[in-house]
Amino acid sequence: MSNFLHTIVRLSKVSVCSLLGTAMDMLVLWLCSDYLLHGYVGEHIISPCISFEFGVITNFFVAKHIVWRDRVMSSPQIPLWRRFAKYNLSCIFAFCIRIGISLLLHHWSGWDVVPCNLIAMLLSGIVNFTFQNLFIFGNFKEQQ
């Protein structure tokens, strides 16, 4: 299988597996924005931050065990905490992009936080996949 085709297959796996993290994220976002936190900052800033971490944890373990399993197995010397720290940082970067897009969509359209967030998630997912493929689960052996 060509490298390009393999990347497309992996991107498809990431997309499908990310649905679990997205479901977790959206559930927590809905609970926080409707029941726990109120006002613009609570609904549009704090709720997505909380839901984001729930989605990150879910996606990391799904990605590690399903999508990138072959690469994790070929570099067992990389500690779980280090890989998760890199994963979380890349997700934070993608999250900043996501929040920016979500706020722009809300400002531009007046839509509720949930559809704005879902659209922004789709766009920032491309950034996140790139970081996963190159820096977190890349084809490399870490030097000791």
N, C-alpha and C. Protein backbone atom coordinates (compact mmCIF):
# COMPACT_ATOMS: atom_id res chain seq x y z
N MET A 1 0.85 -1.17 0.00
CA MET A 1 0.00 0.00 0.00
C MET A 1 0.90 1.24 0.00
N SER A 2 0.58 2.20 -0.83
CA SER A 2 1.39 3.41 -0.91
C SER A 2 1.27 4.23 0.38
N ASN A 3 2.27 5.06 0.61
CA ASN A 3 2.28 5.89 1.81
C ASN A 3 1.06 6.82 1.84
N PHE A 4 0.73 7.40 0.68
CA PHE A 4 -0.43 8.30 0.60
C PHE A 4 -1.72 7.56 0.94
N LEU A 5 -1.90 6.37 0.34
CA LEU A 5 -3.10 5.58 0.60
C LEU A 5 -3.16 5.16 2.06
N HIS A 6 -2.02 4.78 2.62
CA HIS A 6 -1.97 4.39 4.04
C HIS A 6 -2.38 5.56 4.93
N THR A 7 -1.93 6.78 4.59
CA THR A 7 -2.30 7.96 5.36
C THR A 7 -3.80 8.23 5.26
N ILE A 8 -4.37 8.04 4.08
CA ILE A 8 -5.82 8.24 3.90
C ILE A 8 -6.60 7.22 4.72
N VAL A 9 -6.15 5.97 4.73
CA VAL A 9 -6.81 4.94 5.53
C VAL A 9 -6.73 5.30 7.01
N ARG A 10 -5.55 5.74 7.45
CA ARG A 10 -5.38 6.11 8.86
C ARG A 10 -6.24 7.33 9.21
N LEU A 11 -6.30 8.31 8.31
CA LEU A 11 -7.16 9.48 8.52
C LEU A 11 -8.62 9.05 8.66
N SER A 12 -9.02 8.09 7.85
CA SER A 12 -10.40 7.57 7.96
C SER A 12 -10.63 6.90 9.31
N LYS A 13 -9.64 6.13 9.78
CA LYS A 13 -9.75 5.50 11.10
C LYS A 13 -9.84 6.55 12.19
N VAL A 14 -8.98 7.57 12.09
CA VAL A 14 -9.01 8.65 13.09
C VAL A 14 -10.38 9.32 13.09
N SER A 15 -10.92 9.56 11.92
CA SER A 15 -12.22 10.23 11.80
C SER A 15 -13.32 9.40 12.45
N VAL A 16 -13.33 8.11 12.17
CA VAL A 16 -14.36 7.23 12.73
C VAL A 16 -14.18 7.10 14.25
N CYS A 17 -12.94 6.87 14.68
CA CYS A 17 -12.69 6.72 16.12
C CYS A 17 -12.93 8.02 16.89
N SER A 18 -12.73 9.13 16.22
CA SER A 18 -12.94 10.42 16.88
C SER A 18 -14.41 10.66 17.22
N LEU A 19 -15.29 9.91 16.60
CA LEU A 19 -16.71 10.06 16.90
C LEU A 19 -17.00 9.77 18.37
N LEU A 20 -16.27 8.83 18.94
CA LEU A 20 -16.47 8.52 20.37
C LEU A 20 -16.06 9.71 21.23
N GLY A 21 -14.89 10.28 20.94
CA GLY A 21 -14.45 11.47 21.67
C GLY A 21 -15.37 12.65 21.43
N THR A 22 -15.85 12.78 20.20
CA THR A 22 -16.78 13.87 19.88
C THR A 22 -18.09 13.70 20.64
N ALA A 23 -18.57 12.47 20.70
CA ALA A 23 -19.81 12.22 21.46
C ALA A 23 -19.62 12.57 22.93
N MET A 24 -18.47 12.17 23.49
CA MET A 24 -18.18 12.50 24.89
C MET A 24 -18.09 14.01 25.06
N ASP A 25 -17.36 14.67 24.17
CA ASP A 25 -17.20 16.12 24.21
C ASP A 25 -18.55 16.82 24.14
N MET A 26 -19.38 16.43 23.18
CA MET A 26 -20.67 17.10 23.00
C MET A 26 -21.61 16.84 24.18
N LEU A 27 -21.57 15.63 24.73
CA LEU A 27 -22.39 15.32 25.90
C LEU A 27 -21.99 16.20 27.08
N VAL A 28 -20.70 16.28 27.35
CA VAL A 28 -20.23 17.09 28.46
C VAL A 28 -20.50 18.57 28.20
N LEU A 29 -20.32 19.01 26.94
CA LEU A 29 -20.63 20.41 26.59
C LEU A 29 -22.09 20.72 26.84
N TRP A 30 -22.96 19.84 26.42
CA TRP A 30 -24.39 20.05 26.62
C TRP A 30 -24.73 20.09 28.11
N LEU A 31 -24.20 19.16 28.88
CA LEU A 31 -24.47 19.14 30.32
C LEU A 31 -23.95 20.42 30.99
N CYS A 32 -22.73 20.80 30.65
CA CYS A 32 -22.14 22.00 31.28
C CYS A 32 -22.88 23.27 30.86
N SER A 33 -23.13 23.44 29.56
CA SER A 33 -23.72 24.69 29.08
C SER A 33 -25.20 24.82 29.43
N ASP A 34 -25.90 23.69 29.55
CA ASP A 34 -27.33 23.77 29.87
C ASP A 34 -27.63 23.67 31.37
N TYR A 35 -26.80 22.97 32.13
CA TYR A 35 -27.14 22.70 33.52
C TYR A 35 -26.16 23.24 34.56
N LEU A 36 -24.89 23.39 34.19
CA LEU A 36 -23.90 23.76 35.20
C LEU A 36 -23.43 25.20 35.11
N LEU A 37 -23.14 25.66 33.91
CA LEU A 37 -22.54 26.99 33.73
C LEU A 37 -23.45 27.85 32.87
N HIS A 38 -23.60 29.09 33.26
CA HIS A 38 -24.52 29.98 32.55
C HIS A 38 -23.81 31.25 32.14
N GLY A 39 -24.42 31.99 31.25
CA GLY A 39 -23.83 33.22 30.75
C GLY A 39 -22.87 32.92 29.60
N TYR A 40 -22.48 33.95 28.91
CA TYR A 40 -21.64 33.80 27.72
C TYR A 40 -20.33 33.08 28.02
N VAL A 41 -19.62 33.51 29.06
CA VAL A 41 -18.32 32.90 29.39
C VAL A 41 -18.51 31.44 29.81
N GLY A 42 -19.52 31.17 30.61
CA GLY A 42 -19.77 29.80 31.05
C GLY A 42 -20.14 28.88 29.90
N GLU A 43 -20.99 29.36 29.01
CA GLU A 43 -21.47 28.52 27.91
C GLU A 43 -20.47 28.42 26.76
N HIS A 44 -19.80 29.51 26.43
CA HIS A 44 -18.97 29.55 25.22
C HIS A 44 -17.47 29.42 25.47
N ILE A 45 -17.02 29.54 26.72
CA ILE A 45 -15.58 29.43 27.01
C ILE A 45 -15.31 28.28 27.98
N ILE A 46 -15.89 28.32 29.16
CA ILE A 46 -15.58 27.32 30.19
C ILE A 46 -16.15 25.95 29.84
N SER A 47 -17.41 25.88 29.40
CA SER A 47 -18.00 24.58 29.05
C SER A 47 -17.21 23.86 27.96
N PRO A 48 -16.82 24.54 26.87
CA PRO A 48 -16.01 23.84 25.87
C PRO A 48 -14.64 23.41 26.40
N CYS A 49 -14.06 24.16 27.34
CA CYS A 49 -12.77 23.76 27.92
C CYS A 49 -12.90 22.46 28.71
N ILE A 50 -13.94 22.36 29.49
CA ILE A 50 -14.17 21.15 30.29
C ILE A 50 -14.47 19.97 29.37
N SER A 51 -15.37 20.18 28.43
CA SER A 51 -15.75 19.09 27.53
C SER A 51 -14.57 18.65 26.67
N PHE A 52 -13.72 19.60 26.33
CA PHE A 52 -12.53 19.32 25.53
C PHE A 52 -11.65 18.26 26.20
N GLU A 53 -11.37 18.42 27.48
CA GLU A 53 -10.50 17.46 28.16
C GLU A 53 -11.12 16.07 28.23
N PHE A 54 -12.42 15.99 28.39
CA PHE A 54 -13.07 14.68 28.38
C PHE A 54 -12.91 14.04 27.00
N GLY A 55 -13.07 14.82 25.95
CA GLY A 55 -12.88 14.31 24.60
C GLY A 55 -11.44 13.92 24.33
N VAL A 56 -10.48 14.71 24.83
CA VAL A 56 -9.05 14.42 24.62
C VAL A 56 -8.68 13.08 25.25
N ILE A 57 -9.08 12.87 26.46
CA ILE A 57 -8.74 11.62 27.16
C ILE A 57 -9.35 10.43 26.42
N THR A 58 -10.60 10.55 26.02
CA THR A 58 -11.26 9.48 25.27
C THR A 58 -10.54 9.22 23.96
N ASN A 59 -10.27 10.28 23.20
CA ASN A 59 -9.62 10.12 21.89
C ASN A 59 -8.19 9.58 22.01
N PHE A 60 -7.46 9.99 23.03
CA PHE A 60 -6.09 9.51 23.18
C PHE A 60 -6.06 7.99 23.32
N PHE A 61 -6.87 7.46 24.20
CA PHE A 61 -6.83 6.02 24.43
C PHE A 61 -7.37 5.23 23.24
N VAL A 62 -8.38 5.76 22.56
CA VAL A 62 -8.87 5.10 21.35
C VAL A 62 -7.79 5.15 20.27
N ALA A 63 -7.17 6.31 20.08
CA ALA A 63 -6.12 6.45 19.07
C ALA A 63 -4.93 5.54 19.38
N LYS A 64 -4.51 5.52 20.62
CA LYS A 64 -3.35 4.73 21.02
C LYS A 64 -3.58 3.24 20.77
N HIS A 65 -4.77 2.75 21.07
CA HIS A 65 -5.03 1.31 21.00
C HIS A 65 -5.59 0.84 19.66
N ILE A 66 -6.14 1.74 18.87
CA ILE A 66 -6.77 1.31 17.61
C ILE A 66 -6.07 1.91 16.39
N VAL A 67 -5.96 3.22 16.34
CA VAL A 67 -5.47 3.89 15.13
C VAL A 67 -3.96 3.78 14.99
N TRP A 68 -3.22 4.07 16.03
CA TRP A 68 -1.77 4.15 15.97
C TRP A 68 -1.09 2.97 16.65
N ARG A 69 -1.80 1.91 16.87
CA ARG A 69 -1.28 0.76 17.61
C ARG A 69 0.06 0.27 17.05
N ASP A 70 0.18 0.17 15.74
CA ASP A 70 1.42 -0.32 15.13
C ASP A 70 2.60 0.58 15.46
N ARG A 71 2.38 1.88 15.45
CA ARG A 71 3.47 2.81 15.75
C ARG A 71 3.81 2.82 17.24
N VAL A 72 2.80 2.66 18.08
CA VAL A 72 3.05 2.60 19.53
C VAL A 72 3.85 1.34 19.85
N MET A 73 3.50 0.24 19.20
CA MET A 73 4.21 -1.03 19.43
C MET A 73 5.66 -0.95 18.95
N SER A 74 5.92 -0.16 17.91
CA SER A 74 7.29 -0.07 17.39
C SER A 74 8.15 0.93 18.17
N SER A 75 7.55 1.65 19.11
CA SER A 75 8.33 2.59 19.94
C SER A 75 7.86 2.49 21.39
N PRO A 76 8.02 1.30 22.00
CA PRO A 76 7.52 1.12 23.38
C PRO A 76 8.31 1.88 24.42
N GLN A 77 9.49 2.40 24.06
CA GLN A 77 10.31 3.12 25.02
C GLN A 77 9.75 4.50 25.35
N ILE A 78 8.79 4.98 24.57
CA ILE A 78 8.20 6.30 24.85
C ILE A 78 7.15 6.11 25.94
N PRO A 79 7.35 6.76 27.09
CA PRO A 79 6.40 6.59 28.21
C PRO A 79 5.01 7.13 27.86
N LEU A 80 4.01 6.49 28.44
CA LEU A 80 2.62 6.89 28.21
C LEU A 80 2.41 8.36 28.55
N TRP A 81 2.95 8.81 29.68
CA TRP A 81 2.73 10.20 30.11
C TRP A 81 3.32 11.18 29.10
N ARG A 82 4.45 10.85 28.50
CA ARG A 82 5.08 11.76 27.53
C ARG A 82 4.24 11.83 26.25
N ARG A 83 3.79 10.68 25.79
CA ARG A 83 2.97 10.65 24.59
C ARG A 83 1.66 11.39 24.84
N PHE A 84 1.06 11.19 26.03
CA PHE A 84 -0.18 11.90 26.35
C PHE A 84 0.05 13.40 26.46
N ALA A 85 1.17 13.80 27.05
CA ALA A 85 1.48 15.24 27.16
C ALA A 85 1.58 15.88 25.78
N LYS A 86 2.28 15.22 24.86
CA LYS A 86 2.38 15.74 23.49
C LYS A 86 1.01 15.76 22.83
N TYR A 87 0.26 14.70 23.04
CA TYR A 87 -1.08 14.61 22.46
C TYR A 87 -1.96 15.75 22.98
N ASN A 88 -1.91 15.96 24.28
CA ASN A 88 -2.73 16.99 24.89
C ASN A 88 -2.32 18.39 24.38
N LEU A 89 -1.01 18.64 24.25
CA LEU A 89 -0.56 19.93 23.72
C LEU A 89 -1.01 20.16 22.29
N SER A 90 -0.94 19.11 21.46
CA SER A 90 -1.41 19.27 20.09
C SER A 90 -2.91 19.50 20.05
N CYS A 91 -3.62 18.85 20.95
CA CYS A 91 -5.07 19.05 21.03
C CYS A 91 -5.40 20.46 21.53
N ILE A 92 -4.59 20.98 22.44
CA ILE A 92 -4.81 22.35 22.92
C ILE A 92 -4.64 23.34 21.78
N PHE A 93 -3.63 23.13 20.95
CA PHE A 93 -3.42 23.99 19.78
C PHE A 93 -4.64 23.90 18.85
N ALA A 94 -5.06 22.68 18.55
CA ALA A 94 -6.24 22.50 17.70
C ALA A 94 -7.49 23.08 18.38
N PHE A 95 -7.54 22.97 19.70
CA PHE A 95 -8.67 23.51 20.46
C PHE A 95 -8.75 25.03 20.34
N CYS A 96 -7.60 25.68 20.39
CA CYS A 96 -7.58 27.15 20.22
C CYS A 96 -8.14 27.53 18.86
N ILE A 97 -7.77 26.77 17.86
CA ILE A 97 -8.33 26.99 16.52
C ILE A 97 -9.83 26.75 16.56
N ARG A 98 -10.23 25.68 17.23
CA ARG A 98 -11.65 25.33 17.34
C ARG A 98 -12.46 26.44 18.03
N ILE A 99 -11.96 26.94 19.14
CA ILE A 99 -12.67 28.00 19.86
C ILE A 99 -12.80 29.25 18.99
N GLY A 100 -11.71 29.61 18.31
CA GLY A 100 -11.75 30.77 17.43
C GLY A 100 -12.80 30.63 16.35
N ILE A 101 -12.83 29.47 15.71
CA ILE A 101 -13.83 29.24 14.66
C ILE A 101 -15.23 29.24 15.25
N SER A 102 -15.41 28.60 16.39
CA SER A 102 -16.72 28.54 17.03
C SER A 102 -17.24 29.93 17.40
N LEU A 103 -16.35 30.75 17.98
CA LEU A 103 -16.76 32.11 18.35
C LEU A 103 -17.09 32.94 17.12
N LEU A 104 -16.29 32.80 16.07
CA LEU A 104 -16.59 33.52 14.82
C LEU A 104 -17.92 33.08 14.23
N LEU A 105 -18.17 31.77 14.21
CA LEU A 105 -19.45 31.27 13.70
C LEU A 105 -20.62 31.80 14.53
N HIS A 106 -20.47 31.77 15.85
CA HIS A 106 -21.55 32.27 16.72
C HIS A 106 -21.79 33.76 16.48
N HIS A 107 -20.70 34.51 16.40
CA HIS A 107 -20.82 35.95 16.17
C HIS A 107 -21.44 36.24 14.81
N TRP A 108 -21.01 35.51 13.80
CA TRP A 108 -21.47 35.73 12.44
C TRP A 108 -22.91 35.25 12.22
N SER A 109 -23.26 34.08 12.81
CA SER A 109 -24.55 33.47 12.51
C SER A 109 -25.58 33.60 13.62
N GLY A 110 -25.11 33.75 14.88
CA GLY A 110 -26.04 33.77 16.01
C GLY A 110 -26.50 32.38 16.42
N TRP A 111 -25.90 31.33 15.83
CA TRP A 111 -26.28 29.96 16.16
C TRP A 111 -25.91 29.63 17.60
N ASP A 112 -26.51 28.58 18.13
CA ASP A 112 -26.21 28.07 19.47
C ASP A 112 -24.79 27.50 19.50
N VAL A 113 -24.25 27.35 20.69
CA VAL A 113 -22.88 26.90 20.88
C VAL A 113 -22.64 25.49 20.32
N VAL A 114 -23.61 24.60 20.40
CA VAL A 114 -23.39 23.22 19.99
C VAL A 114 -23.13 23.09 18.48
N PRO A 115 -23.97 23.63 17.59
CA PRO A 115 -23.64 23.51 16.15
C PRO A 115 -22.36 24.26 15.77
N CYS A 116 -22.13 25.42 16.37
CA CYS A 116 -20.90 26.16 16.09
C CYS A 116 -19.68 25.33 16.48
N ASN A 117 -19.76 24.70 17.64
CA ASN A 117 -18.67 23.88 18.14
C ASN A 117 -18.46 22.65 17.26
N LEU A 118 -19.51 22.04 16.79
CA LEU A 118 -19.39 20.85 15.96
C LEU A 118 -18.71 21.18 14.63
N ILE A 119 -19.08 22.26 13.99
CA ILE A 119 -18.45 22.68 12.74
C ILE A 119 -16.97 23.00 12.98
N ALA A 120 -16.69 23.72 14.06
CA ALA A 120 -15.31 24.07 14.38
C ALA A 120 -14.48 22.83 14.67
N MET A 121 -15.07 21.83 15.29
CA MET A 121 -14.38 20.58 15.59
C MET A 121 -13.95 19.87 14.31
N LEU A 122 -14.81 19.87 13.33
CA LEU A 122 -14.48 19.22 12.07
C LEU A 122 -13.27 19.87 11.41
N LEU A 123 -13.22 21.19 11.41
CA LEU A 123 -12.12 21.91 10.78
C LEU A 123 -10.82 21.77 11.55
N SER A 124 -10.89 21.86 12.86
CA SER A 124 -9.67 21.75 13.66
C SER A 124 -9.15 20.32 13.72
N GLY A 125 -9.99 19.35 13.39
CA GLY A 125 -9.57 17.95 13.37
C GLY A 125 -8.46 17.68 12.37
N ILE A 126 -8.46 18.41 11.28
CA ILE A 126 -7.40 18.26 10.27
C ILE A 126 -6.05 18.63 10.88
N VAL A 127 -6.03 19.71 11.62
CA VAL A 127 -4.80 20.14 12.29
C VAL A 127 -4.35 19.08 13.29
N ASN A 128 -5.27 18.56 14.04
CA ASN A 128 -4.95 17.58 15.07
C ASN A 128 -4.40 16.29 14.44
N PHE A 129 -5.00 15.82 13.35
CA PHE A 129 -4.49 14.62 12.69
C PHE A 129 -3.06 14.82 12.22
N THR A 130 -2.77 15.97 11.67
CA THR A 130 -1.42 16.25 11.18
C THR A 130 -0.40 16.15 12.31
N PHE A 131 -0.72 16.72 13.46
CA PHE A 131 0.19 16.64 14.61
C PHE A 131 0.34 15.21 15.11
N GLN A 132 -0.76 14.46 15.14
CA GLN A 132 -0.68 13.07 15.57
C GLN A 132 0.22 12.27 14.64
N ASN A 133 0.01 12.44 13.34
CA ASN A 133 0.75 11.68 12.34
C ASN A 133 2.24 12.01 12.35
N LEU A 134 2.58 13.27 12.55
CA LEU A 134 3.98 13.68 12.44
C LEU A 134 4.75 13.65 13.77
N PHE A 135 4.11 14.06 14.86
CA PHE A 135 4.86 14.31 16.10
C PHE A 135 4.53 13.40 17.27
N ILE A 136 3.33 12.88 17.34
CA ILE A 136 2.96 12.10 18.52
C ILE A 136 3.08 10.61 18.27
N PHE A 137 2.53 10.17 17.14
CA PHE A 137 2.58 8.75 16.79
C PHE A 137 3.38 8.56 15.50
N GLY A 138 4.35 9.43 15.27
CA GLY A 138 5.14 9.37 14.05
C GLY A 138 5.97 8.11 13.94
N ASN A 139 6.47 7.86 12.74
CA ASN A 139 7.35 6.71 12.51
C ASN A 139 8.76 7.07 12.93
N PHE A 140 9.05 6.96 14.22
CA PHE A 140 10.37 7.30 14.71
C PHE A 140 10.69 6.45 15.93
N LYS A 141 11.94 6.30 16.14
CA LYS A 141 12.43 5.64 17.36
C LYS A 141 13.10 6.72 18.19
N GLU A 142 12.61 6.92 19.39
CA GLU A 142 13.17 7.97 20.24
C GLU A 142 14.57 7.57 20.70
N GLN A 143 15.49 8.51 20.62
CA GLN A 143 16.87 8.28 21.06
C GLN A 143 16.90 8.35 22.59
N GLN A 144 17.60 7.44 23.18
CA GLN A 144 17.69 7.43 24.65
C GLN A 144 18.89 8.20 25.10
